[in-house]
Amino acid sequence: MLALQGGRMPTRRRKVHLTKPQRTELETFVAHGKKSAREINRARVLLLAEEGKSDSAIARLLGLSRGTVYNVRRKYQAQARHSLGEVVHDASRSGRPSKLDSRVEAKATMIAWSAPPEGRGRWTLHLIADKLVTLGVTDSISHESVRTLLKQTNLSRG
């Protein structure tokens, strides 16, 4: 087991051995098509690592942190038997779960379709947010959250 010394990463380098088809695949990936900068950098890290460059040298050349280079090498080692796409491509992310449930969404929709308050021509996002809090549907909600909720329900009054 490698010990971390003084908060630094281990000095033992993870070897990257690419087959000829893998190298061609990465070179084509970097040169052609529209991809994210992160994916291109990951492919370049693998290509430079296979040439025997150190993590520090790769980080300097690509303008990345040594930690990023180390993580790409580590991921390559862990998934060496799988396709390079799994190493290079971003994993899907679920994002932060919504704090607002379907009850809040339903109530906001009902309010938006109801008659506007006295003296108003229509419901505004701010008015809907205030009404949801007044009714005790939720503790707090911003007008932007109301907009997002209503947009998700494809509510269109116009």
C-alpha atoms as a PDB file:
ATOM      1  CA  MET A   1       0.000   0.000   0.000  1.00  0.00           C
ATOM      2  CA  LEU A   2       1.319   3.419  -0.853  1.00  0.00           C
ATOM      3  CA  ALA A   3       1.473   5.954   1.929  1.00  0.00           C
ATOM      4  CA  LEU A   4       0.823   9.612   1.347  1.00  0.00           C
ATOM      5  CA  GLN A   5       3.804  11.660   2.424  1.00  0.00           C
ATOM      6  CA  GLY A   6       3.257  15.249   3.427  1.00  0.00           C
ATOM      7  CA  GLY A   7      -0.135  15.366   1.666  1.00  0.00           C
ATOM      8  CA  ARG A   8       1.447  14.504  -1.684  1.00  0.00           C
ATOM      9  CA  MET A   9       0.346  11.785  -4.034  1.00  0.00           C
ATOM     10  CA  PRO A  10       2.259   8.546  -4.332  1.00  0.00           C
ATOM     11  CA  THR A  11       5.326   8.683  -6.516  1.00  0.00           C
ATOM     12  CA  ARG A  12       4.709   5.290  -8.129  1.00  0.00           C
ATOM     13  CA  ARG A  13       3.367   5.961 -11.593  1.00  0.00           C
ATOM     14  CA  ARG A  14       0.464   3.955 -12.966  1.00  0.00           C
ATOM     15  CA  LYS A  15       1.536   2.523 -16.311  1.00  0.00           C
ATOM     16  CA  VAL A  16      -0.567   3.196 -19.371  1.00  0.00           C
ATOM     17  CA  HIS A  17      -0.149   0.685 -22.187  1.00  0.00           C
ATOM     18  CA  LEU A  18      -2.287   1.391 -25.235  1.00  0.00           C
ATOM     19  CA  THR A  19      -2.704  -0.993 -28.140  1.00  0.00           C
ATOM     20  CA  LYS A  20      -2.306   0.388 -31.664  1.00  0.00           C
ATOM     21  CA  PRO A  21      -6.103   0.500 -32.205  1.00  0.00           C
ATOM     22  CA  GLN A  22      -6.609   2.218 -28.838  1.00  0.00           C
ATOM     23  CA  ARG A  23      -3.996   4.835 -29.657  1.00  0.00           C
ATOM     24  CA  THR A  24      -5.590   5.454 -33.066  1.00  0.00           C
ATOM     25  CA  GLU A  25      -9.012   5.713 -31.412  1.00  0.00           C
ATOM     26  CA  LEU A  26      -7.763   8.329 -28.934  1.00  0.00           C
ATOM     27  CA  GLU A  27      -5.917  10.325 -31.602  1.00  0.00           C
ATOM     28  CA  THR A  28      -9.044  10.351 -33.774  1.00  0.00           C
ATOM     29  CA  PHE A  29     -11.151  11.299 -30.754  1.00  0.00           C
ATOM     30  CA  VAL A  30      -8.934  14.302 -30.019  1.00  0.00           C
ATOM     31  CA  ALA A  31      -8.670  15.447 -33.645  1.00  0.00           C
ATOM     32  CA  HIS A  32     -12.235  15.101 -34.955  1.00  0.00           C
ATOM     33  CA  GLY A  33     -15.735  15.965 -33.895  1.00  0.00           C
ATOM     34  CA  LYS A  34     -17.292  18.096 -31.212  1.00  0.00           C
ATOM     35  CA  LYS A  35     -16.520  17.053 -27.642  1.00  0.00           C
ATOM     36  CA  SER A  36     -16.172  18.608 -24.227  1.00  0.00           C
ATOM     37  CA  ALA A  37     -12.795  20.005 -23.209  1.00  0.00           C
ATOM     38  CA  ARG A  38     -12.706  17.603 -20.251  1.00  0.00           C
ATOM     39  CA  GLU A  39     -13.083  14.563 -22.499  1.00  0.00           C
ATOM     40  CA  ILE A  40     -10.373  15.792 -24.872  1.00  0.00           C
ATOM     41  CA  ASN A  41      -8.028  16.435 -21.937  1.00  0.00           C
ATOM     42  CA  ARG A  42      -8.623  12.935 -20.587  1.00  0.00           C
ATOM     43  CA  ALA A  43      -7.730  11.452 -23.971  1.00  0.00           C
ATOM     44  CA  ARG A  44      -4.603  13.617 -24.164  1.00  0.00           C
ATOM     45  CA  VAL A  45      -3.588  12.545 -20.648  1.00  0.00           C
ATOM     46  CA  LEU A  46      -3.730   8.893 -21.720  1.00  0.00           C
ATOM     47  CA  LEU A  47      -1.766   9.575 -24.902  1.00  0.00           C
ATOM     48  CA  LEU A  48       0.961  11.487 -23.050  1.00  0.00           C
ATOM     49  CA  ALA A  49       1.059   8.954 -20.214  1.00  0.00           C
ATOM     50  CA  GLU A  50       1.603   6.176 -22.710  1.00  0.00           C
ATOM     51  CA  GLU A  51       4.595   8.110 -24.030  1.00  0.00           C
ATOM     52  CA  GLY A  52       6.070   7.852 -20.524  1.00  0.00           C
ATOM     53  CA  LYS A  53       5.565  11.439 -19.396  1.00  0.00           C
ATOM     54  CA  SER A  54       5.233  12.078 -15.659  1.00  0.00           C
ATOM     55  CA  ASP A  55       2.058  13.371 -14.053  1.00  0.00           C
ATOM     56  CA  SER A  56       3.736  16.723 -13.373  1.00  0.00           C
ATOM     57  CA  ALA A  57       4.862  17.078 -16.993  1.00  0.00           C
ATOM     58  CA  ILE A  58       1.409  16.175 -18.329  1.00  0.00           C
ATOM     59  CA  ALA A  59      -0.255  18.576 -15.898  1.00  0.00           C
ATOM     60  CA  ARG A  60       2.080  21.378 -17.006  1.00  0.00           C
ATOM     61  CA  LEU A  61       1.567  20.653 -20.721  1.00  0.00           C
ATOM     62  CA  LEU A  62      -2.223  20.499 -20.540  1.00  0.00           C
ATOM     63  CA  GLY A  63      -2.784  23.088 -17.829  1.00  0.00           C
ATOM     64  CA  LEU A  64      -4.391  20.564 -15.464  1.00  0.00           C
ATOM     65  CA  SER A  65      -3.791  19.712 -11.837  1.00  0.00           C
ATOM     66  CA  ARG A  66      -1.652  16.695 -10.986  1.00  0.00           C
ATOM     67  CA  GLY A  67      -4.658  15.257  -9.204  1.00  0.00           C
ATOM     68  CA  THR A  68      -6.670  15.250 -12.431  1.00  0.00           C
ATOM     69  CA  VAL A  69      -3.880  13.467 -14.297  1.00  0.00           C
ATOM     70  CA  TYR A  70      -3.545  10.947 -11.465  1.00  0.00           C
ATOM     71  CA  ASN A  71      -7.298  10.284 -11.463  1.00  0.00           C
ATOM     72  CA  VAL A  72      -7.395   9.675 -15.229  1.00  0.00           C
ATOM     73  CA  ARG A  73      -4.514   7.187 -14.970  1.00  0.00           C
ATOM     74  CA  ARG A  74      -6.212   5.470 -12.031  1.00  0.00           C
ATOM     75  CA  LYS A  75      -9.532   5.255 -13.876  1.00  0.00           C
ATOM     76  CA  TYR A  76      -7.738   3.790 -16.904  1.00  0.00           C
ATOM     77  CA  GLN A  77      -6.144   1.113 -14.724  1.00  0.00           C
ATOM     78  CA  ALA A  78      -9.466   0.256 -13.084  1.00  0.00           C
ATOM     79  CA  GLN A  79     -11.275  -0.035 -16.422  1.00  0.00           C
ATOM     80  CA  ALA A  80      -8.437  -1.279 -18.620  1.00  0.00           C
ATOM     81  CA  ARG A  81     -10.468  -4.247 -19.846  1.00  0.00           C
ATOM     82  CA  HIS A  82     -13.371  -2.022 -20.893  1.00  0.00           C
ATOM     83  CA  SER A  83     -13.579   0.452 -23.744  1.00  0.00           C
ATOM     84  CA  LEU A  84     -11.643   3.698 -23.651  1.00  0.00           C
ATOM     85  CA  GLY A  85     -14.955   5.512 -23.960  1.00  0.00           C
ATOM     86  CA  GLU A  86     -15.760   4.688 -20.344  1.00  0.00           C
ATOM     87  CA  VAL A  87     -12.503   6.308 -19.239  1.00  0.00           C
ATOM     88  CA  VAL A  88     -12.700   9.382 -21.460  1.00  0.00           C
ATOM     89  CA  HIS A  89     -16.427  10.233 -21.464  1.00  0.00           C
ATOM     90  CA  ASP A  90     -18.218  12.024 -18.646  1.00  0.00           C
ATOM     91  CA  ALA A  91     -20.423   9.812 -16.518  1.00  0.00           C
ATOM     92  CA  SER A  92     -24.026  10.942 -16.387  1.00  0.00           C
ATOM     93  CA  ARG A  93     -24.950  12.894 -13.302  1.00  0.00           C
ATOM     94  CA  SER A  94     -28.365  12.919 -11.744  1.00  0.00           C
ATOM     95  CA  GLY A  95     -28.037  16.382 -10.290  1.00  0.00           C
ATOM     96  CA  ARG A  96     -29.365  17.596  -7.009  1.00  0.00           C
ATOM     97  CA  PRO A  97     -32.781  16.118  -6.209  1.00  0.00           C
ATOM     98  CA  SER A  98     -35.661  18.570  -6.134  1.00  0.00           C
ATOM     99  CA  LYS A  99     -36.857  19.665  -2.717  1.00  0.00           C
ATOM    100  CA  LEU A 100     -40.293  20.320  -4.139  1.00  0.00           C
ATOM    101  CA  ASP A 101     -42.612  17.358  -4.548  1.00  0.00           C
ATOM    102  CA  SER A 102     -45.590  16.758  -6.812  1.00  0.00           C
ATOM    103  CA  ARG A 103     -47.948  18.218  -4.168  1.00  0.00           C
ATOM    104  CA  VAL A 104     -46.252  21.637  -4.493  1.00  0.00           C
ATOM    105  CA  GLU A 105     -46.276  21.323  -8.269  1.00  0.00           C
ATOM    106  CA  ALA A 106     -50.000  20.484  -8.319  1.00  0.00           C
ATOM    107  CA  LYS A 107     -50.874  23.342  -5.968  1.00  0.00           C
ATOM    108  CA  ALA A 108     -48.815  25.840  -8.007  1.00  0.00           C
ATOM    109  CA  THR A 109     -50.596  24.715 -11.178  1.00  0.00           C
ATOM    110  CA  MET A 110     -54.007  25.071  -9.504  1.00  0.00           C
ATOM    111  CA  ILE A 111     -53.147  28.579  -8.322  1.00  0.00           C
ATOM    112  CA  ALA A 112     -51.868  29.602 -11.766  1.00  0.00           C
ATOM    113  CA  TRP A 113     -55.129  28.470 -13.413  1.00  0.00           C
ATOM    114  CA  SER A 114     -57.377  30.061 -10.769  1.00  0.00           C
ATOM    115  CA  ALA A 115     -58.739  33.600 -10.865  1.00  0.00           C
ATOM    116  CA  PRO A 116     -56.065  36.185  -9.993  1.00  0.00           C
ATOM    117  CA  PRO A 117     -56.203  38.063  -6.674  1.00  0.00           C
ATOM    118  CA  GLU A 118     -58.445  41.098  -6.326  1.00  0.00           C
ATOM    119  CA  GLY A 119     -57.043  44.086  -8.197  1.00  0.00           C
ATOM    120  CA  ARG A 120     -54.693  41.985 -10.373  1.00  0.00           C
ATOM    121  CA  GLY A 121     -55.060  41.072 -14.021  1.00  0.00           C
ATOM    122  CA  ARG A 122     -53.128  37.795 -13.725  1.00  0.00           C
ATOM    123  CA  TRP A 123     -50.973  35.688 -11.437  1.00  0.00           C
ATOM    124  CA  THR A 124     -47.276  36.594 -11.397  1.00  0.00           C
ATOM    125  CA  LEU A 125     -44.541  34.186 -10.334  1.00  0.00           C
ATOM    126  CA  HIS A 126     -43.977  36.241  -7.177  1.00  0.00           C
ATOM    127  CA  LEU A 127     -47.686  36.124  -6.293  1.00  0.00           C
ATOM    128  CA  ILE A 128     -47.834  32.352  -6.800  1.00  0.00           C
ATOM    129  CA  ALA A 129     -44.733  31.875  -4.620  1.00  0.00           C
ATOM    130  CA  ASP A 130     -46.246  34.052  -1.865  1.00  0.00           C
ATOM    131  CA  LYS A 131     -49.564  32.184  -2.054  1.00  0.00           C
ATOM    132  CA  LEU A 132     -47.833  28.785  -1.743  1.00  0.00           C
ATOM    133  CA  VAL A 133     -46.100  29.956   1.440  1.00  0.00           C
ATOM    134  CA  THR A 134     -49.307  31.547   2.806  1.00  0.00           C
ATOM    135  CA  LEU A 135     -51.237  28.292   2.263  1.00  0.00           C
ATOM    136  CA  GLY A 136     -48.498  26.341   4.051  1.00  0.00           C
ATOM    137  CA  VAL A 137     -47.728  24.151   1.036  1.00  0.00           C
ATOM    138  CA  THR A 138     -44.026  24.845   1.512  1.00  0.00           C
ATOM    139  CA  ASP A 139     -41.893  26.803   3.982  1.00  0.00           C
ATOM    140  CA  SER A 140     -40.272  28.917   1.305  1.00  0.00           C
ATOM    141  CA  ILE A 141     -40.078  29.024  -2.475  1.00  0.00           C
ATOM    142  CA  SER A 142     -38.593  31.499  -4.925  1.00  0.00           C
ATOM    143  CA  HIS A 143     -40.339  32.859  -7.987  1.00  0.00           C
ATOM    144  CA  GLU A 144     -37.668  31.144 -10.077  1.00  0.00           C
ATOM    145  CA  SER A 145     -38.592  27.760  -8.551  1.00  0.00           C
ATOM    146  CA  VAL A 146     -42.235  28.459  -9.374  1.00  0.00           C
ATOM    147  CA  ARG A 147     -41.224  29.252 -12.961  1.00  0.00           C
ATOM    148  CA  THR A 148     -39.310  25.972 -13.203  1.00  0.00           C
ATOM    149  CA  LEU A 149     -42.232  23.994 -11.761  1.00  0.00           C
ATOM    150  CA  LEU A 150     -44.705  25.524 -14.161  1.00  0.00           C
ATOM    151  CA  LYS A 151     -42.374  25.074 -17.106  1.00  0.00           C
ATOM    152  CA  GLN A 152     -41.978  21.358 -16.288  1.00  0.00           C
ATOM    153  CA  THR A 153     -45.765  20.935 -16.380  1.00  0.00           C
ATOM    154  CA  ASN A 154     -45.842  22.621 -19.817  1.00  0.00           C
ATOM    155  CA  LEU A 155     -48.296  25.157 -18.429  1.00  0.00           C
ATOM    156  CA  SER A 156     -49.003  27.771 -21.048  1.00  0.00           C
ATOM    157  CA  ARG A 157     -51.737  30.317 -20.428  1.00  0.00           C
ATOM    158  CA  GLY A 158     -51.038  32.160 -23.658  1.00  0.00           C
END
